[in-house]
């Protein structure tokens, strides 16, 4: 009985030893960082700048209206995660 018990303990320690031997070392650490999407913007002219004469309170007034543009937003690159090197937290 002693031989069987001694053999079982030896076998268990023999199989457990490689698990302790394979402990690795930390080489580098990385954080997951969100990179926002990139867009391209275009403007199209809706109404050109112009001046008009208007009648208000019995007076003639020359009014200036600036140009009106509409802005278009186009997705160039969608948002994504990148791995960025960071200090290791043990």
PDB file of N, CA and C in Angstrom:
ATOM      1  N   UNK A   1       0.819  -1.178   0.000  1.00  0.00           N
ATOM      2  CA  UNK A   1       0.000   0.000   0.000  1.00  0.00           C
ATOM      3  C   UNK A   1       0.874   1.257   0.000  1.00  0.00           C
ATOM      4  N   UNK A   2       2.009   1.202   0.769  1.00  0.00           N
ATOM      5  CA  UNK A   2       2.909   2.338   0.810  1.00  0.00           C
ATOM      6  C   UNK A   2       3.505   2.616  -0.562  1.00  0.00           C
ATOM      7  N   UNK A   3       3.835   1.549  -1.278  1.00  0.00           N
ATOM      8  CA  UNK A   3       4.439   1.713  -2.597  1.00  0.00           C
ATOM      9  C   UNK A   3       3.446   2.349  -3.569  1.00  0.00           C
ATOM     10  N   UNK A   4       2.182   1.966  -3.497  1.00  0.00           N
ATOM     11  CA  UNK A   4       1.157   2.517  -4.392  1.00  0.00           C
ATOM     12  C   UNK A   4       0.938   3.993  -4.080  1.00  0.00           C
ATOM     13  N   UNK A   5       0.846   4.323  -2.795  1.00  0.00           N
ATOM     14  CA  UNK A   5       0.643   5.717  -2.386  1.00  0.00           C
ATOM     15  C   UNK A   5       1.863   6.566  -2.749  1.00  0.00           C
ATOM     16  N   UNK A   6       3.051   6.046  -2.516  1.00  0.00           N
ATOM     17  CA  UNK A   6       4.272   6.744  -2.866  1.00  0.00           C
ATOM     18  C   UNK A   6       4.380   6.932  -4.380  1.00  0.00           C
ATOM     19  N   UNK A   7       3.990   5.926  -5.144  1.00  0.00           N
ATOM     20  CA  UNK A   7       4.002   6.014  -6.613  1.00  0.00           C
ATOM     21  C   UNK A   7       3.004   7.047  -7.111  1.00  0.00           C
ATOM     22  N   UNK A   8       1.828   7.133  -6.472  1.00  0.00           N
ATOM     23  CA  UNK A   8       0.815   8.117  -6.875  1.00  0.00           C
ATOM     24  C   UNK A   8       1.297   9.534  -6.603  1.00  0.00           C
ATOM     25  N   UNK A   9       1.912   9.767  -5.456  1.00  0.00           N
ATOM     26  CA  UNK A   9       2.436  11.092  -5.117  1.00  0.00           C
ATOM     27  C   UNK A   9       3.547  11.474  -6.092  1.00  0.00           C
ATOM     28  N   UNK A  10       4.431  10.546  -6.391  1.00  0.00           N
ATOM     29  CA  UNK A  10       5.521  10.818  -7.330  1.00  0.00           C
ATOM     30  C   UNK A  10       4.971  11.143  -8.720  1.00  0.00           C
ATOM     31  N   UNK A  11       3.977  10.389  -9.161  1.00  0.00           N
ATOM     32  CA  UNK A  11       3.386  10.611 -10.488  1.00  0.00           C
ATOM     33  C   UNK A  11       2.690  11.964 -10.548  1.00  0.00           C
ATOM     34  N   UNK A  12       1.976  12.321  -9.484  1.00  0.00           N
ATOM     35  CA  UNK A  12       1.280  13.610  -9.457  1.00  0.00           C
ATOM     36  C   UNK A  12       2.283  14.759  -9.476  1.00  0.00           C
ATOM     37  N   UNK A  13       3.368  14.637  -8.739  1.00  0.00           N
ATOM     38  CA  UNK A  13       4.360  15.708  -8.723  1.00  0.00           C
ATOM     39  C   UNK A  13       5.120  15.775 -10.051  1.00  0.00           C
ATOM     40  N   UNK A  14       5.297  14.635 -10.698  1.00  0.00           N
ATOM     41  CA  UNK A  14       5.995  14.616 -11.984  1.00  0.00           C
ATOM     42  C   UNK A  14       5.171  15.316 -13.057  1.00  0.00           C
ATOM     43  N   UNK A  15       3.831  15.159 -13.006  1.00  0.00           N
ATOM     44  CA  UNK A  15       2.980  15.824 -13.990  1.00  0.00           C
ATOM     45  C   UNK A  15       2.768  17.293 -13.666  1.00  0.00           C
ATOM     46  N   UNK A  16       2.837  17.672 -12.387  1.00  0.00           N
ATOM     47  CA  UNK A  16       2.633  19.065 -11.985  1.00  0.00           C
ATOM     48  C   UNK A  16       3.883  19.905 -12.218  1.00  0.00           C
ATOM     49  N   UNK A  17       5.066  19.302 -12.196  1.00  0.00           N
ATOM     50  CA  UNK A  17       6.310  20.044 -12.342  1.00  0.00           C
ATOM     51  C   UNK A  17       6.401  20.802 -13.658  1.00  0.00           C
ATOM     52  N   UNK A  18       6.013  20.218 -14.806  1.00  0.00           N
ATOM     53  CA  UNK A  18       6.106  20.996 -16.041  1.00  0.00           C
ATOM     54  C   UNK A  18       5.216  22.243 -16.034  1.00  0.00           C
ATOM     55  N   UNK A  19       4.104  22.202 -15.298  1.00  0.00           N
ATOM     56  CA  UNK A  19       3.243  23.379 -15.240  1.00  0.00           C
ATOM     57  C   UNK A  19       3.972  24.538 -14.568  1.00  0.00           C
ATOM     58  N   UNK A  20       4.748  24.271 -13.551  1.00  0.00           N
ATOM     59  CA  UNK A  20       5.496  25.327 -12.887  1.00  0.00           C
ATOM     60  C   UNK A  20       6.678  25.786 -13.732  1.00  0.00           C
ATOM     61  N   UNK A  21       7.225  24.924 -14.533  1.00  0.00           N
ATOM     62  CA  UNK A  21       8.388  25.256 -15.349  1.00  0.00           C
ATOM     63  C   UNK A  21       8.015  26.145 -16.535  1.00  0.00           C
ATOM     64  N   UNK A  22       6.744  26.195 -16.936  1.00  0.00           N
ATOM     65  CA  UNK A  22       6.347  26.932 -18.127  1.00  0.00           C
ATOM     66  C   UNK A  22       5.832  28.332 -17.818  1.00  0.00           C
ATOM     67  N   UNK A  23       6.130  28.868 -16.665  1.00  0.00           N
ATOM     68  CA  UNK A  23       5.715  30.236 -16.375  1.00  0.00           C
ATOM     69  C   UNK A  23       6.545  31.175 -17.233  1.00  0.00           C
ATOM     70  N   UNK A  24       5.865  32.018 -18.012  1.00  0.00           N
ATOM     71  CA  UNK A  24       6.571  32.927 -18.909  1.00  0.00           C
ATOM     72  C   UNK A  24       6.843  34.268 -18.257  1.00  0.00           C
ATOM     73  N   UNK A  25       7.485  35.128 -18.993  1.00  0.00           N
ATOM     74  CA  UNK A  25       7.774  36.479 -18.539  1.00  0.00           C
ATOM     75  C   UNK A  25       6.978  37.451 -19.378  1.00  0.00           C
ATOM     76  N   UNK A  26       6.584  38.568 -18.774  1.00  0.00           N
ATOM     77  CA  UNK A  26       5.846  39.610 -19.481  1.00  0.00           C
ATOM     78  C   UNK A  26       6.822  40.319 -20.411  1.00  0.00           C
ATOM     79  N   UNK A  27       6.469  40.380 -21.676  1.00  0.00           N
ATOM     80  CA  UNK A  27       7.330  41.031 -22.669  1.00  0.00           C
ATOM     81  C   UNK A  27       6.846  42.452 -22.940  1.00  0.00           C
ATOM     82  N   UNK A  28       5.550  42.608 -23.173  1.00  0.00           N
ATOM     83  CA  UNK A  28       4.988  43.920 -23.457  1.00  0.00           C
ATOM     84  C   UNK A  28       3.513  43.909 -23.092  1.00  0.00           C
ATOM     85  N   UNK A  29       2.970  45.096 -22.785  1.00  0.00           N
ATOM     86  CA  UNK A  29       1.558  45.240 -22.454  1.00  0.00           C
ATOM     87  C   UNK A  29       0.927  46.250 -23.405  1.00  0.00           C
ATOM     88  N   UNK A  30      -0.325  46.016 -23.755  1.00  0.00           N
ATOM     89  CA  UNK A  30      -1.036  46.880 -24.685  1.00  0.00           C
ATOM     90  C   UNK A  30      -2.416  47.198 -24.128  1.00  0.00           C
ATOM     91  N   UNK A  31      -2.894  48.400 -24.392  1.00  0.00           N
ATOM     92  CA  UNK A  31      -4.260  48.806 -24.056  1.00  0.00           C
ATOM     93  C   UNK A  31      -5.074  48.887 -25.328  1.00  0.00           C
ATOM     94  N   UNK A  32      -6.360  48.614 -25.213  1.00  0.00           N
ATOM     95  CA  UNK A  32      -7.265  48.745 -26.350  1.00  0.00           C
ATOM     96  C   UNK A  32      -7.764  50.188 -26.366  1.00  0.00           C
ATOM     97  N   UNK A  33      -7.468  50.926 -27.450  1.00  0.00           N
ATOM     98  CA  UNK A  33      -7.792  52.348 -27.556  1.00  0.00           C
ATOM     99  C   UNK A  33      -8.717  52.567 -28.743  1.00  0.00           C
ATOM    100  N   UNK A  34      -9.793  53.344 -28.532  1.00  0.00           N
ATOM    101  CA  UNK A  34     -10.755  53.658 -29.593  1.00  0.00           C
ATOM    102  C   UNK A  34     -10.246  54.830 -30.426  1.00  0.00           C
ATOM    103  N   UNK A  35     -10.218  54.633 -31.741  1.00  0.00           N
ATOM    104  CA  UNK A  35      -9.853  55.691 -32.678  1.00  0.00           C
ATOM    105  C   UNK A  35     -11.148  56.130 -33.360  1.00  0.00           C
ATOM    106  N   UNK A  36     -11.548  57.397 -33.212  1.00  0.00           N
ATOM    107  CA  UNK A  36     -12.824  57.831 -33.798  1.00  0.00           C
ATOM    108  C   UNK A  36     -12.798  57.823 -35.329  1.00  0.00           C
ATOM    109  N   UNK A  37     -13.986  57.831 -35.891  1.00  0.00           N
ATOM    110  CA  UNK A  37     -14.135  57.809 -37.350  1.00  0.00           C
ATOM    111  C   UNK A  37     -13.595  59.102 -37.962  1.00  0.00           C
ATOM    112  N   UNK A  38     -13.148  59.011 -39.210  1.00  0.00           N
ATOM    113  CA  UNK A  38     -12.680  60.190 -39.941  1.00  0.00           C
ATOM    114  C   UNK A  38     -13.688  60.521 -41.036  1.00  0.00           C
ATOM    115  N   UNK A  39     -13.973  61.815 -41.176  1.00  0.00           N
ATOM    116  CA  UNK A  39     -14.950  62.277 -42.157  1.00  0.00           C
ATOM    117  C   UNK A  39     -14.320  63.299 -43.083  1.00  0.00           C
ATOM    118  N   UNK A  40     -14.890  63.416 -44.284  1.00  0.00           N
ATOM    119  CA  UNK A  40     -14.495  64.431 -45.251  1.00  0.00           C
ATOM    120  C   UNK A  40     -15.698  65.348 -45.426  1.00  0.00           C
ATOM    121  N   UNK A  41     -15.462  66.641 -45.433  1.00  0.00           N
ATOM    122  CA  UNK A  41     -16.545  67.617 -45.528  1.00  0.00           C
ATOM    123  C   UNK A  41     -16.462  68.369 -46.853  1.00  0.00           C
ATOM    124  N   UNK A  42     -17.611  68.547 -47.497  1.00  0.00           N
ATOM    125  CA  UNK A  42     -17.721  69.329 -48.731  1.00  0.00           C
ATOM    126  C   UNK A  42     -18.805  70.378 -48.512  1.00  0.00           C
ATOM    127  N   UNK A  43     -18.660  71.500 -49.208  1.00  0.00           N
ATOM    128  CA  UNK A  43     -19.694  72.528 -49.158  1.00  0.00           C
ATOM    129  C   UNK A  43     -20.231  72.750 -50.571  1.00  0.00           C
ATOM    130  N   UNK A  44     -21.548  72.881 -50.662  1.00  0.00           N
ATOM    131  CA  UNK A  44     -22.155  73.234 -51.943  1.00  0.00           C
ATOM    132  C   UNK A  44     -22.936  74.527 -51.750  1.00  0.00           C
ATOM    133  N   UNK A  45     -22.866  75.366 -52.744  1.00  0.00           N
ATOM    134  CA  UNK A  45     -23.532  76.655 -52.700  1.00  0.00           C
ATOM    135  C   UNK A  45     -25.035  76.463 -52.882  1.00  0.00           C
ATOM    136  N   UNK A  46     -25.815  76.979 -51.945  1.00  0.00           N
ATOM    137  CA  UNK A  46     -27.274  76.918 -52.044  1.00  0.00           C
ATOM    138  C   UNK A  46     -27.792  78.233 -52.617  1.00  0.00           C
ATOM    139  N   UNK A  47     -27.272  79.342 -52.068  1.00  0.00           N
ATOM    140  CA  UNK A  47     -27.705  80.652 -52.546  1.00  0.00           C
ATOM    141  C   UNK A  47     -26.499  81.590 -52.515  1.00  0.00           C
ATOM    142  N   UNK A  48     -26.223  82.243 -53.621  1.00  0.00           N
ATOM    143  CA  UNK A  48     -25.084  83.161 -53.716  1.00  0.00           C
ATOM    144  C   UNK A  48     -25.365  84.429 -52.909  1.00  0.00           C
ATOM    145  N   UNK A  49     -24.285  85.116 -52.532  1.00  0.00           N
ATOM    146  CA  UNK A  49     -24.427  86.387 -51.826  1.00  0.00           C
ATOM    147  C   UNK A  49     -25.068  87.406 -52.762  1.00  0.00           C
ATOM    148  N   UNK A  50     -25.923  88.226 -52.191  1.00  0.00           N
ATOM    149  CA  UNK A  50     -26.575  89.244 -53.026  1.00  0.00           C
ATOM    150  C   UNK A  50     -27.035  90.411 -52.154  1.00  0.00           C
ATOM    151  N   UNK A  51     -27.316  91.515 -52.805  1.00  0.00           N
ATOM    152  CA  UNK A  51     -27.837  92.717 -52.140  1.00  0.00           C
ATOM    153  C   UNK A  51     -29.199  93.032 -52.706  1.00  0.00           C
ATOM    154  N   UNK A  52     -30.091  93.540 -51.857  1.00  0.00           N
ATOM    155  CA  UNK A  52     -31.449  93.911 -52.293  1.00  0.00           C
ATOM    156  C   UNK A  52     -31.846  95.230 -51.644  1.00  0.00           C
ATOM    157  N   UNK A  53     -32.688  95.939 -52.378  1.00  0.00           N
ATOM    158  CA  UNK A  53     -33.278  97.145 -51.810  1.00  0.00           C
ATOM    159  C   UNK A  53     -34.607  96.747 -51.188  1.00  0.00           C
ATOM    160  N   UNK A  54     -34.828  97.215 -49.936  1.00  0.00           N
ATOM    161  CA  UNK A  54     -36.077  96.918 -49.251  1.00  0.00           C
ATOM    162  C   UNK A  54     -36.700  98.217 -48.748  1.00  0.00           C
ATOM    163  N   UNK A  55     -38.007  98.213 -48.660  1.00  0.00           N
ATOM    164  CA  UNK A  55     -38.737  99.379 -48.183  1.00  0.00           C
ATOM    165  C   UNK A  55     -39.200  99.093 -46.757  1.00  0.00           C
ATOM    166  N   UNK A  56     -38.649  99.847 -45.761  1.00  0.00           N
ATOM    167  CA  UNK A  56     -39.028  99.677 -44.362  1.00  0.00           C
ATOM    168  C   UNK A  56     -39.208 101.042 -43.710  1.00  0.00           C
ATOM    169  N   UNK A  57     -40.294 101.203 -43.002  1.00  0.00           N
ATOM    170  CA  UNK A  57     -40.592 102.436 -42.256  1.00  0.00           C
ATOM    171  C   UNK A  57     -40.449 103.693 -43.115  1.00  0.00           C
ATOM    172  N   UNK A  58     -40.895 103.607 -44.330  1.00  0.00           N
ATOM    173  CA  UNK A  58     -40.849 104.762 -45.222  1.00  0.00           C
ATOM    174  C   UNK A  58     -39.467 105.061 -45.774  1.00  0.00           C
ATOM    175  N   UNK A  59     -38.521 104.145 -45.632  1.00  0.00           N
ATOM    176  CA  UNK A  59     -37.173 104.349 -46.141  1.00  0.00           C
ATOM    177  C   UNK A  59     -36.804 103.229 -47.086  1.00  0.00           C
ATOM    178  N   UNK A  60     -35.893 103.539 -47.968  1.00  0.00           N
ATOM    179  CA  UNK A  60     -35.311 102.518 -48.834  1.00  0.00           C
ATOM    180  C   UNK A  60     -33.999 102.083 -48.171  1.00  0.00           C
ATOM    181  N   UNK A  61     -33.865 100.773 -47.914  1.00  0.00           N
ATOM    182  CA  UNK A  61     -32.686 100.232 -47.246  1.00  0.00           C
ATOM    183  C   UNK A  61     -32.038  99.214 -48.167  1.00  0.00           C
ATOM    184  N   UNK A  62     -30.720  99.331 -48.315  1.00  0.00           N
ATOM    185  CA  UNK A  62     -29.999  98.342 -49.103  1.00  0.00           C
ATOM    186  C   UNK A  62     -29.512  97.261 -48.143  1.00  0.00           C
ATOM    187  N   UNK A  63     -29.998  96.024 -48.319  1.00  0.00           N
ATOM    188  CA  UNK A  63     -29.662  94.889 -47.461  1.00  0.00           C
ATOM    189  C   UNK A  63     -28.690  93.965 -48.190  1.00  0.00           C
ATOM    190  N   UNK A  64     -27.739  93.453 -47.438  1.00  0.00           N
ATOM    191  CA  UNK A  64     -26.794  92.485 -48.013  1.00  0.00           C
ATOM    192  C   UNK A  64     -27.039  91.136 -47.359  1.00  0.00           C
ATOM    193  N   UNK A  65     -27.188  90.121 -48.162  1.00  0.00           N
ATOM    194  CA  UNK A  65     -27.385  88.758 -47.677  1.00  0.00           C
ATOM    195  C   UNK A  65     -26.160  87.925 -48.054  1.00  0.00           C
ATOM    196  N   UNK A  66     -25.497  87.308 -47.065  1.00  0.00           N
ATOM    197  CA  UNK A  66     -24.302  86.500 -47.363  1.00  0.00           C
ATOM    198  C   UNK A  66     -24.676  85.198 -48.078  1.00  0.00           C
ATOM    199  N   UNK A  67     -23.661  84.574 -48.642  1.00  0.00           N
ATOM    200  CA  UNK A  67     -23.874  83.298 -49.342  1.00  0.00           C
ATOM    201  C   UNK A  67     -24.297  82.223 -48.339  1.00  0.00           C
ATOM    202  N   UNK A  68     -25.101  81.277 -48.827  1.00  0.00           N
ATOM    203  CA  UNK A  68     -25.561  80.166 -47.986  1.00  0.00           C
ATOM    204  C   UNK A  68     -24.991  78.885 -48.580  1.00  0.00           C
ATOM    205  N   UNK A  69     -24.339  78.101 -47.726  1.00  0.00           N
ATOM    206  CA  UNK A  69     -23.734  76.838 -48.146  1.00  0.00           C
ATOM    207  C   UNK A  69     -24.353  75.697 -47.361  1.00  0.00           C
ATOM    208  N   UNK A  70     -24.385  74.523 -47.975  1.00  0.00           N
ATOM    209  CA  UNK A  70     -24.819  73.315 -47.288  1.00  0.00           C
ATOM    210  C   UNK A  70     -23.592  72.413 -47.165  1.00  0.00           C
ATOM    211  N   UNK A  71     -23.378  71.897 -45.954  1.00  0.00           N
ATOM    212  CA  UNK A  71     -22.207  71.070 -45.702  1.00  0.00           C
ATOM    213  C   UNK A  71     -22.581  69.598 -45.797  1.00  0.00           C
ATOM    214  N   UNK A  72     -21.766  68.837 -46.525  1.00  0.00           N
ATOM    215  CA  UNK A  72     -21.985  67.390 -46.683  1.00  0.00           C
ATOM    216  C   UNK A  72     -20.859  66.660 -45.969  1.00  0.00           C
ATOM    217  N   UNK A  73     -21.233  65.630 -45.221  1.00  0.00           N
ATOM    218  CA  UNK A  73     -20.262  64.870 -44.420  1.00  0.00           C
ATOM    219  C   UNK A  73     -20.184  63.456 -44.988  1.00  0.00           C
ATOM    220  N   UNK A  74     -18.968  63.023 -45.389  1.00  0.00           N
ATOM    221  CA  UNK A  74     -18.762  61.689 -45.962  1.00  0.00           C
ATOM    222  C   UNK A  74     -17.794  60.903 -45.086  1.00  0.00           C
ATOM    223  N   UNK A  75     -18.162  59.673 -44.769  1.00  0.00           N
ATOM    224  CA  UNK A  75     -17.318  58.807 -43.951  1.00  0.00           C
ATOM    225  C   UNK A  75     -16.126  58.324 -44.769  1.00  0.00           C
ATOM    226  N   UNK A  76     -14.909  58.593 -44.276  1.00  0.00           N
ATOM    227  CA  UNK A  76     -13.691  58.157 -44.946  1.00  0.00           C
ATOM    228  C   UNK A  76     -13.206  56.842 -44.342  1.00  0.00           C
ATOM    229  N   UNK A  77     -13.167  56.792 -43.000  1.00  0.00           N
ATOM    230  CA  UNK A  77     -12.677  55.613 -42.303  1.00  0.00           C
ATOM    231  C   UNK A  77     -13.506  55.439 -41.033  1.00  0.00           C
ATOM    232  N   UNK A  78     -14.145  54.295 -40.855  1.00  0.00           N
ATOM    233  CA  UNK A  78     -14.974  54.107 -39.659  1.00  0.00           C
ATOM    234  C   UNK A  78     -14.120  54.009 -38.393  1.00  0.00           C
ATOM    235  N   UNK A  79     -14.748  54.254 -37.258  1.00  0.00           N
ATOM    236  CA  UNK A  79     -14.058  54.149 -35.978  1.00  0.00           C
ATOM    237  C   UNK A  79     -13.636  52.708 -35.718  1.00  0.00           C
ATOM    238  N   UNK A  80     -12.530  52.543 -35.003  1.00  0.00           N
ATOM    239  CA  UNK A  80     -12.012  51.197 -34.750  1.00  0.00           C
ATOM    240  C   UNK A  80     -11.115  51.213 -33.517  1.00  0.00           C
ATOM    241  N   UNK A  81     -10.815  50.040 -33.018  1.00  0.00           N
ATOM    242  CA  UNK A  81      -9.906  49.898 -31.886  1.00  0.00           C
ATOM    243  C   UNK A  81      -8.503  49.559 -32.385  1.00  0.00           C
ATOM    244  N   UNK A  82      -7.498  50.076 -31.687  1.00  0.00           N
ATOM    245  CA  UNK A  82      -6.111  49.723 -31.966  1.00  0.00           C
ATOM    246  C   UNK A  82      -5.443  49.327 -30.655  1.00  0.00           C
ATOM    247  N   UNK A  83      -4.401  48.530 -30.748  1.00  0.00           N
ATOM    248  CA  UNK A  83      -3.622  48.152 -29.575  1.00  0.00           C
ATOM    249  C   UNK A  83      -2.465  49.138 -29.451  1.00  0.00           C
ATOM    250  N   UNK A  84      -2.417  49.850 -28.325  1.00  0.00           N
ATOM    251  CA  UNK A  84      -1.372  50.837 -28.104  1.00  0.00           C
ATOM    252  C   UNK A  84      -0.520  50.395 -26.922  1.00  0.00           C
ATOM    253  N   UNK A  85       0.789  50.429 -27.087  1.00  0.00           N
ATOM    254  CA  UNK A  85       1.703  49.990 -26.044  1.00  0.00           C
ATOM    255  C   UNK A  85       1.501  50.835 -24.794  1.00  0.00           C
ATOM    256  N   UNK A  86       1.466  50.168 -23.639  1.00  0.00           N
ATOM    257  CA  UNK A  86       1.217  50.840 -22.368  1.00  0.00           C
ATOM    258  C   UNK A  86       2.083  50.233 -21.280  1.00  0.00           C
ATOM    259  N   UNK A  87       2.252  50.934 -20.170  1.00  0.00           N
ATOM    260  CA  UNK A  87       2.987  50.348 -19.055  1.00  0.00           C
ATOM    261  C   UNK A  87       2.216  49.168 -18.474  1.00  0.00           C
ATOM    262  N   UNK A  88       2.921  48.145 -18.073  1.00  0.00           N
ATOM    263  CA  UNK A  88       2.287  46.938 -17.544  1.00  0.00           C
ATOM    264  C   UNK A  88       1.814  47.151 -16.115  1.00  0.00           C
ATOM    265  N   UNK A  89       0.637  46.614 -15.823  1.00  0.00           N
ATOM    266  CA  UNK A  89       0.061  46.663 -14.478  1.00  0.00           C
ATOM    267  C   UNK A  89       0.167  45.279 -13.903  1.00  0.00           C
ATOM    268  N   UNK A  90       0.968  45.102 -12.909  1.00  0.00           N
ATOM    269  CA  UNK A  90       1.164  43.758 -12.332  1.00  0.00           C
ATOM    270  C   UNK A  90       0.211  43.538 -11.217  1.00  0.00           C
TER     271      UNK A  90
END
